[in-house]
Amino acid sequence: MTPALTFRSTRFSVLRWLARSFAMLAVLATPFLSACGYNDFQAKDEATKAAWAEVVNQYQRRADLIPNLVNTVKGYAAHEKDTLEAVTKARAAATSFQITPEVLNDPAAFQKFQQLQGELSSALSRLMAVSENYPQLKADQSFRDLQSQLEGTENRITVARQRYIKSVQDYNVLARSFPTNLTAKVMGYQVKPNFTVENEKGISTAPAVKF
């Protein structure tokens, strides 16, 4: 056998040995990773992302209702300029916030998201209170339909937030508990921010929708 053939044969043998070694390591590592919570982290991280996506979806649904709501109220209460502008500005601020996957691991960005949505909720509450002073507005079918849609959306926001809170709590318990906290550090799984107690008080006083 020539030196060239010998070199190629040896190289092939080494590569084959490395491939088998990596395969064996993968097999041996699977139960270790499972025992250290790696699989649980993946599952809970995905559950958290799915719950967050639903929160964002419901807030966007609410934002989509606001332009028609403001225009309808304006038709009967045009001189309520400050209240109408406050809702419009709060909506613009909330919808302009860039929601990226990094928000879930950035307490400051998450808090900003809460703040903007809370300000929009407050502005909507004032708008609903103003509408009580206009019987013709309350009797308008378009306004009543929008009220009904807003009420349903607010309820879905509450449910979506509660599910997100629970999913983050489950994830954070895993991230803080031993020995899975070691896996979190090695794999880069960070404790996630959650909705605050103060923010949850705002949910209990969501925009009142009356008929």
C-alpha atoms as a PDB file:
ATOM      1  CA  MET A   1       0.000   0.000   0.000  1.00  0.00           C
ATOM      2  CA  THR A   2       1.383   3.369  -1.000  1.00  0.00           C
ATOM      3  CA  PRO A   3       1.921   6.129   1.567  1.00  0.00           C
ATOM      4  CA  ALA A   4      -0.923   8.130  -0.008  1.00  0.00           C
ATOM      5  CA  LEU A   5      -3.373   5.251   0.312  1.00  0.00           C
ATOM      6  CA  THR A   6      -2.208   4.566   3.842  1.00  0.00           C
ATOM      7  CA  PHE A   7      -2.805   8.224   4.766  1.00  0.00           C
ATOM      8  CA  ARG A   8      -6.290   8.206   3.259  1.00  0.00           C
ATOM      9  CA  SER A   9      -7.175   4.948   5.005  1.00  0.00           C
ATOM     10  CA  THR A  10      -5.925   6.254   8.335  1.00  0.00           C
ATOM     11  CA  ARG A  11      -7.793   9.539   7.877  1.00  0.00           C
ATOM     12  CA  PHE A  12     -11.017   7.696   7.040  1.00  0.00           C
ATOM     13  CA  SER A  13     -10.625   5.506  10.130  1.00  0.00           C
ATOM     14  CA  VAL A  14     -10.092   8.535  12.351  1.00  0.00           C
ATOM     15  CA  LEU A  15     -13.144  10.307  10.929  1.00  0.00           C
ATOM     16  CA  ARG A  16     -15.262   7.197  11.377  1.00  0.00           C
ATOM     17  CA  TRP A  17     -14.059   6.851  14.958  1.00  0.00           C
ATOM     18  CA  LEU A  18     -14.890  10.500  15.662  1.00  0.00           C
ATOM     19  CA  ALA A  19     -18.369  10.095  14.178  1.00  0.00           C
ATOM     20  CA  ARG A  20     -19.039   7.043  16.340  1.00  0.00           C
ATOM     21  CA  SER A  21     -17.689   8.836  19.403  1.00  0.00           C
ATOM     22  CA  PHE A  22     -19.955  11.838  18.865  1.00  0.00           C
ATOM     23  CA  ALA A  23     -22.929   9.533  18.353  1.00  0.00           C
ATOM     24  CA  MET A  24     -22.161   7.691  21.590  1.00  0.00           C
ATOM     25  CA  LEU A  25     -21.742  10.981  23.457  1.00  0.00           C
ATOM     26  CA  ALA A  26     -25.108  12.158  22.162  1.00  0.00           C
ATOM     27  CA  VAL A  27     -26.757   8.955  23.379  1.00  0.00           C
ATOM     28  CA  LEU A  28     -25.059   9.181  26.768  1.00  0.00           C
ATOM     29  CA  ALA A  29     -25.842  12.897  27.120  1.00  0.00           C
ATOM     30  CA  THR A  30     -29.574  12.520  26.473  1.00  0.00           C
ATOM     31  CA  PRO A  31     -30.522  11.125  29.912  1.00  0.00           C
ATOM     32  CA  PHE A  32     -28.103  13.562  31.573  1.00  0.00           C
ATOM     33  CA  LEU A  33     -29.695  16.565  29.876  1.00  0.00           C
ATOM     34  CA  SER A  34     -33.141  15.239  30.712  1.00  0.00           C
ATOM     35  CA  ALA A  35     -32.206  14.782  34.372  1.00  0.00           C
ATOM     36  CA  CYS A  36     -30.840  18.335  34.509  1.00  0.00           C
ATOM     37  CA  GLY A  37     -34.079  19.794  33.142  1.00  0.00           C
ATOM     38  CA  TYR A  38     -32.913  20.723  29.653  1.00  0.00           C
ATOM     39  CA  ASN A  39     -35.992  19.209  28.031  1.00  0.00           C
ATOM     40  CA  ASP A  40     -38.212  20.875  30.620  1.00  0.00           C
ATOM     41  CA  PHE A  41     -36.608  24.229  29.882  1.00  0.00           C
ATOM     42  CA  GLN A  42     -37.284  23.839  26.192  1.00  0.00           C
ATOM     43  CA  ALA A  43     -40.923  22.896  26.793  1.00  0.00           C
ATOM     44  CA  LYS A  44     -41.590  25.666  29.315  1.00  0.00           C
ATOM     45  CA  ASP A  45     -39.751  28.261  27.231  1.00  0.00           C
ATOM     46  CA  GLU A  46     -41.936  27.427  24.236  1.00  0.00           C
ATOM     47  CA  ALA A  47     -45.060  27.520  26.427  1.00  0.00           C
ATOM     48  CA  THR A  48     -44.067  30.962  27.678  1.00  0.00           C
ATOM     49  CA  LYS A  49     -43.501  32.258  24.148  1.00  0.00           C
ATOM     50  CA  ALA A  50     -46.897  30.917  23.052  1.00  0.00           C
ATOM     51  CA  ALA A  51     -48.643  32.535  26.036  1.00  0.00           C
ATOM     52  CA  TRP A  52     -46.882  35.832  25.338  1.00  0.00           C
ATOM     53  CA  ALA A  53     -47.895  35.735  21.679  1.00  0.00           C
ATOM     54  CA  GLU A  54     -51.531  35.475  22.768  1.00  0.00           C
ATOM     55  CA  VAL A  55     -51.147  38.446  25.139  1.00  0.00           C
ATOM     56  CA  VAL A  56     -49.718  40.551  22.313  1.00  0.00           C
ATOM     57  CA  ASN A  57     -52.427  39.350  19.929  1.00  0.00           C
ATOM     58  CA  GLN A  58     -55.245  40.399  22.265  1.00  0.00           C
ATOM     59  CA  TYR A  59     -53.697  43.801  22.961  1.00  0.00           C
ATOM     60  CA  GLN A  60     -53.396  44.332  19.211  1.00  0.00           C
ATOM     61  CA  ARG A  61     -57.030  43.326  18.807  1.00  0.00           C
ATOM     62  CA  ARG A  62     -57.970  46.037  21.298  1.00  0.00           C
ATOM     63  CA  ALA A  63     -55.822  48.600  19.506  1.00  0.00           C
ATOM     64  CA  ASP A  64     -57.546  47.770  16.219  1.00  0.00           C
ATOM     65  CA  LEU A  65     -60.949  48.622  17.725  1.00  0.00           C
ATOM     66  CA  ILE A  66     -59.942  52.062  18.955  1.00  0.00           C
ATOM     67  CA  PRO A  67     -59.961  54.137  15.717  1.00  0.00           C
ATOM     68  CA  ASN A  68     -63.588  53.236  14.968  1.00  0.00           C
ATOM     69  CA  LEU A  69     -64.513  53.747  18.615  1.00  0.00           C
ATOM     70  CA  VAL A  70     -62.948  57.213  18.694  1.00  0.00           C
ATOM     71  CA  ASN A  71     -64.607  58.218  15.416  1.00  0.00           C
ATOM     72  CA  THR A  72     -68.002  57.045  16.640  1.00  0.00           C
ATOM     73  CA  VAL A  73     -67.710  58.970  19.905  1.00  0.00           C
ATOM     74  CA  LYS A  74     -66.477  62.030  18.013  1.00  0.00           C
ATOM     75  CA  GLY A  75     -69.709  62.043  16.012  1.00  0.00           C
ATOM     76  CA  TYR A  76     -71.712  62.700  19.182  1.00  0.00           C
ATOM     77  CA  ALA A  77     -69.161  64.316  21.489  1.00  0.00           C
ATOM     78  CA  ALA A  78     -66.753  66.244  19.293  1.00  0.00           C
ATOM     79  CA  HIS A  79     -66.071  68.797  22.036  1.00  0.00           C
ATOM     80  CA  GLU A  80     -64.579  66.036  24.247  1.00  0.00           C
ATOM     81  CA  LYS A  81     -61.370  66.790  22.404  1.00  0.00           C
ATOM     82  CA  ASP A  82     -58.926  66.180  25.256  1.00  0.00           C
ATOM     83  CA  THR A  83     -60.337  62.745  26.061  1.00  0.00           C
ATOM     84  CA  LEU A  84     -60.386  61.660  22.427  1.00  0.00           C
ATOM     85  CA  GLU A  85     -56.839  62.893  21.830  1.00  0.00           C
ATOM     86  CA  ALA A  86     -55.608  61.126  24.965  1.00  0.00           C
ATOM     87  CA  VAL A  87     -56.928  57.795  23.675  1.00  0.00           C
ATOM     88  CA  THR A  88     -55.449  58.363  20.227  1.00  0.00           C
ATOM     89  CA  LYS A  89     -52.033  59.299  21.626  1.00  0.00           C
ATOM     90  CA  ALA A  90     -52.000  56.386  24.075  1.00  0.00           C
ATOM     91  CA  ARG A  91     -52.854  53.987  21.263  1.00  0.00           C
ATOM     92  CA  ALA A  92     -50.106  55.431  19.058  1.00  0.00           C
ATOM     93  CA  ALA A  93     -47.542  55.039  21.836  1.00  0.00           C
ATOM     94  CA  ALA A  94     -48.596  51.459  22.618  1.00  0.00           C
ATOM     95  CA  THR A  95     -48.622  50.295  19.005  1.00  0.00           C
ATOM     96  CA  SER A  96     -45.297  51.967  18.169  1.00  0.00           C
ATOM     97  CA  PHE A  97     -43.480  49.961  20.844  1.00  0.00           C
ATOM     98  CA  GLN A  98     -41.272  47.389  19.131  1.00  0.00           C
ATOM     99  CA  ILE A  99     -42.241  43.958  20.448  1.00  0.00           C
ATOM    100  CA  THR A 100     -39.336  41.576  19.869  1.00  0.00           C
ATOM    101  CA  PRO A 101     -38.504  38.156  21.375  1.00  0.00           C
ATOM    102  CA  GLU A 102     -35.910  39.922  23.547  1.00  0.00           C
ATOM    103  CA  VAL A 103     -38.698  41.677  25.481  1.00  0.00           C
ATOM    104  CA  LEU A 104     -39.351  38.444  27.381  1.00  0.00           C
ATOM    105  CA  ASN A 105     -35.826  38.544  28.832  1.00  0.00           C
ATOM    106  CA  ASP A 106     -35.516  42.315  29.276  1.00  0.00           C
ATOM    107  CA  PRO A 107     -37.163  43.585  32.500  1.00  0.00           C
ATOM    108  CA  ALA A 108     -36.885  47.242  31.442  1.00  0.00           C
ATOM    109  CA  ALA A 109     -38.505  46.653  28.047  1.00  0.00           C
ATOM    110  CA  PHE A 110     -41.179  44.455  29.612  1.00  0.00           C
ATOM    111  CA  GLN A 111     -41.975  47.162  32.163  1.00  0.00           C
ATOM    112  CA  LYS A 112     -42.234  49.731  29.374  1.00  0.00           C
ATOM    113  CA  PHE A 113     -44.704  47.488  27.552  1.00  0.00           C
ATOM    114  CA  GLN A 114     -46.805  47.239  30.736  1.00  0.00           C
ATOM    115  CA  GLN A 115     -46.687  50.996  31.222  1.00  0.00           C
ATOM    116  CA  LEU A 116     -47.869  51.799  27.697  1.00  0.00           C
ATOM    117  CA  GLN A 117     -50.714  49.294  27.822  1.00  0.00           C
ATOM    118  CA  GLY A 118     -51.713  50.573  31.265  1.00  0.00           C
ATOM    119  CA  GLU A 119     -51.844  54.143  29.980  1.00  0.00           C
ATOM    120  CA  LEU A 120     -54.050  53.030  27.105  1.00  0.00           C
ATOM    121  CA  SER A 121     -56.370  51.231  29.539  1.00  0.00           C
ATOM    122  CA  SER A 122     -56.662  54.408  31.624  1.00  0.00           C
ATOM    123  CA  ALA A 123     -57.426  56.529  28.561  1.00  0.00           C
ATOM    124  CA  LEU A 124     -60.110  54.069  27.461  1.00  0.00           C
ATOM    125  CA  SER A 125     -61.639  54.132  30.946  1.00  0.00           C
ATOM    126  CA  ARG A 126     -62.008  57.900  30.718  1.00  0.00           C
ATOM    127  CA  LEU A 127     -63.550  57.609  27.260  1.00  0.00           C
ATOM    128  CA  MET A 128     -66.103  55.077  28.489  1.00  0.00           C
ATOM    129  CA  ALA A 129     -66.953  57.347  31.429  1.00  0.00           C
ATOM    130  CA  VAL A 130     -67.504  60.286  29.069  1.00  0.00           C
ATOM    131  CA  SER A 131     -69.816  58.223  26.865  1.00  0.00           C
ATOM    132  CA  GLU A 132     -72.208  57.853  29.801  1.00  0.00           C
ATOM    133  CA  ASN A 133     -73.075  61.540  29.423  1.00  0.00           C
ATOM    134  CA  TYR A 134     -74.418  61.121  25.877  1.00  0.00           C
ATOM    135  CA  PRO A 135     -77.665  59.115  25.626  1.00  0.00           C
ATOM    136  CA  GLN A 136     -77.736  59.330  21.834  1.00  0.00           C
ATOM    137  CA  LEU A 137     -74.209  57.922  21.646  1.00  0.00           C
ATOM    138  CA  LYS A 138     -75.144  55.058  23.960  1.00  0.00           C
ATOM    139  CA  ALA A 139     -78.134  54.300  21.735  1.00  0.00           C
ATOM    140  CA  ASP A 140     -76.026  54.210  18.559  1.00  0.00           C
ATOM    141  CA  GLN A 141     -75.851  50.623  17.267  1.00  0.00           C
ATOM    142  CA  SER A 142     -72.299  50.986  15.967  1.00  0.00           C
ATOM    143  CA  PHE A 143     -71.162  52.233  19.353  1.00  0.00           C
ATOM    144  CA  ARG A 144     -72.943  49.381  21.116  1.00  0.00           C
ATOM    145  CA  ASP A 145     -71.308  46.857  18.793  1.00  0.00           C
ATOM    146  CA  LEU A 146     -67.894  48.349  19.476  1.00  0.00           C
ATOM    147  CA  GLN A 147     -68.580  48.294  23.209  1.00  0.00           C
ATOM    148  CA  SER A 148     -69.449  44.612  22.990  1.00  0.00           C
ATOM    149  CA  GLN A 149     -66.278  43.840  21.045  1.00  0.00           C
ATOM    150  CA  LEU A 150     -64.197  45.861  23.499  1.00  0.00           C
ATOM    151  CA  GLU A 151     -65.696  44.038  26.461  1.00  0.00           C
ATOM    152  CA  GLY A 152     -64.931  40.661  24.875  1.00  0.00           C
ATOM    153  CA  THR A 153     -61.389  41.742  24.081  1.00  0.00           C
ATOM    154  CA  GLU A 154     -60.750  43.008  27.606  1.00  0.00           C
ATOM    155  CA  ASN A 155     -61.899  39.638  28.952  1.00  0.00           C
ATOM    156  CA  ARG A 156     -59.575  37.814  26.559  1.00  0.00           C
ATOM    157  CA  ILE A 157     -56.700  40.083  27.594  1.00  0.00           C
ATOM    158  CA  THR A 158     -57.288  39.147  31.223  1.00  0.00           C
ATOM    159  CA  VAL A 159     -57.329  35.417  30.429  1.00  0.00           C
ATOM    160  CA  ALA A 160     -54.233  35.685  28.213  1.00  0.00           C
ATOM    161  CA  ARG A 161     -52.325  37.576  30.900  1.00  0.00           C
ATOM    162  CA  GLN A 162     -53.269  35.036  33.555  1.00  0.00           C
ATOM    163  CA  ARG A 163     -52.009  32.202  31.365  1.00  0.00           C
ATOM    164  CA  TYR A 164     -48.786  34.068  30.701  1.00  0.00           C
ATOM    165  CA  ILE A 165     -48.277  34.745  34.413  1.00  0.00           C
ATOM    166  CA  LYS A 166     -48.713  31.034  35.179  1.00  0.00           C
ATOM    167  CA  SER A 167     -46.360  29.919  32.404  1.00  0.00           C
ATOM    168  CA  VAL A 168     -43.651  32.361  33.542  1.00  0.00           C
ATOM    169  CA  GLN A 169     -44.052  31.276  37.155  1.00  0.00           C
ATOM    170  CA  ASP A 170     -43.534  27.631  36.149  1.00  0.00           C
ATOM    171  CA  TYR A 171     -40.522  28.554  34.012  1.00  0.00           C
ATOM    172  CA  ASN A 172     -38.925  30.731  36.707  1.00  0.00           C
ATOM    173  CA  VAL A 173     -39.309  28.042  39.369  1.00  0.00           C
ATOM    174  CA  LEU A 174     -37.317  25.741  37.104  1.00  0.00           C
ATOM    175  CA  ALA A 175     -34.708  28.440  36.447  1.00  0.00           C
ATOM    176  CA  ARG A 176     -34.214  29.169  40.155  1.00  0.00           C
ATOM    177  CA  SER A 177     -34.342  25.642  41.592  1.00  0.00           C
ATOM    178  CA  PHE A 178     -31.352  23.354  42.103  1.00  0.00           C
ATOM    179  CA  PRO A 179     -30.003  21.547  40.100  1.00  0.00           C
ATOM    180  CA  THR A 180     -31.901  22.934  37.100  1.00  0.00           C
ATOM    181  CA  ASN A 181     -30.573  26.417  37.868  1.00  0.00           C
ATOM    182  CA  LEU A 182     -27.140  25.098  36.863  1.00  0.00           C
ATOM    183  CA  THR A 183     -28.556  23.996  33.524  1.00  0.00           C
ATOM    184  CA  ALA A 184     -30.105  27.449  33.123  1.00  0.00           C
ATOM    185  CA  LYS A 185     -26.713  29.112  33.581  1.00  0.00           C
ATOM    186  CA  VAL A 186     -24.936  26.744  31.208  1.00  0.00           C
ATOM    187  CA  MET A 187     -27.605  26.898  28.493  1.00  0.00           C
ATOM    188  CA  GLY A 188     -28.353  30.618  28.862  1.00  0.00           C
ATOM    189  CA  TYR A 189     -31.925  30.322  30.161  1.00  0.00           C
ATOM    190  CA  GLN A 190     -32.656  33.532  32.092  1.00  0.00           C
ATOM    191  CA  VAL A 191     -35.338  34.277  34.669  1.00  0.00           C
ATOM    192  CA  LYS A 192     -38.163  36.024  32.812  1.00  0.00           C
ATOM    193  CA  PRO A 193     -39.941  39.223  33.932  1.00  0.00           C
ATOM    194  CA  ASN A 194     -43.623  38.943  34.757  1.00  0.00           C
ATOM    195  CA  PHE A 195     -46.590  41.261  35.151  1.00  0.00           C
ATOM    196  CA  THR A 196     -46.305  43.120  38.458  1.00  0.00           C
ATOM    197  CA  VAL A 197     -48.806  43.191  41.305  1.00  0.00           C
ATOM    198  CA  GLU A 198     -49.411  46.895  40.654  1.00  0.00           C
ATOM    199  CA  ASN A 199     -50.079  46.152  37.002  1.00  0.00           C
ATOM    200  CA  GLU A 200     -52.532  43.402  37.912  1.00  0.00           C
ATOM    201  CA  LYS A 201     -54.522  45.932  39.943  1.00  0.00           C
ATOM    202  CA  GLY A 202     -54.981  47.793  36.690  1.00  0.00           C
ATOM    203  CA  ILE A 203     -56.498  44.710  35.120  1.00  0.00           C
ATOM    204  CA  SER A 204     -59.120  44.520  37.853  1.00  0.00           C
ATOM    205  CA  THR A 205     -60.175  48.041  36.851  1.00  0.00           C
ATOM    206  CA  ALA A 206     -60.107  47.525  33.093  1.00  0.00           C
ATOM    207  CA  PRO A 207     -62.186  49.934  30.977  1.00  0.00           C
ATOM    208  CA  ALA A 208     -65.779  49.691  32.161  1.00  0.00           C
ATOM    209  CA  VAL A 209     -68.096  48.767  29.322  1.00  0.00           C
ATOM    210  CA  LYS A 210     -71.751  49.486  30.076  1.00  0.00           C
ATOM    211  CA  PHE A 211     -74.863  49.004  27.987  1.00  0.00           C
END
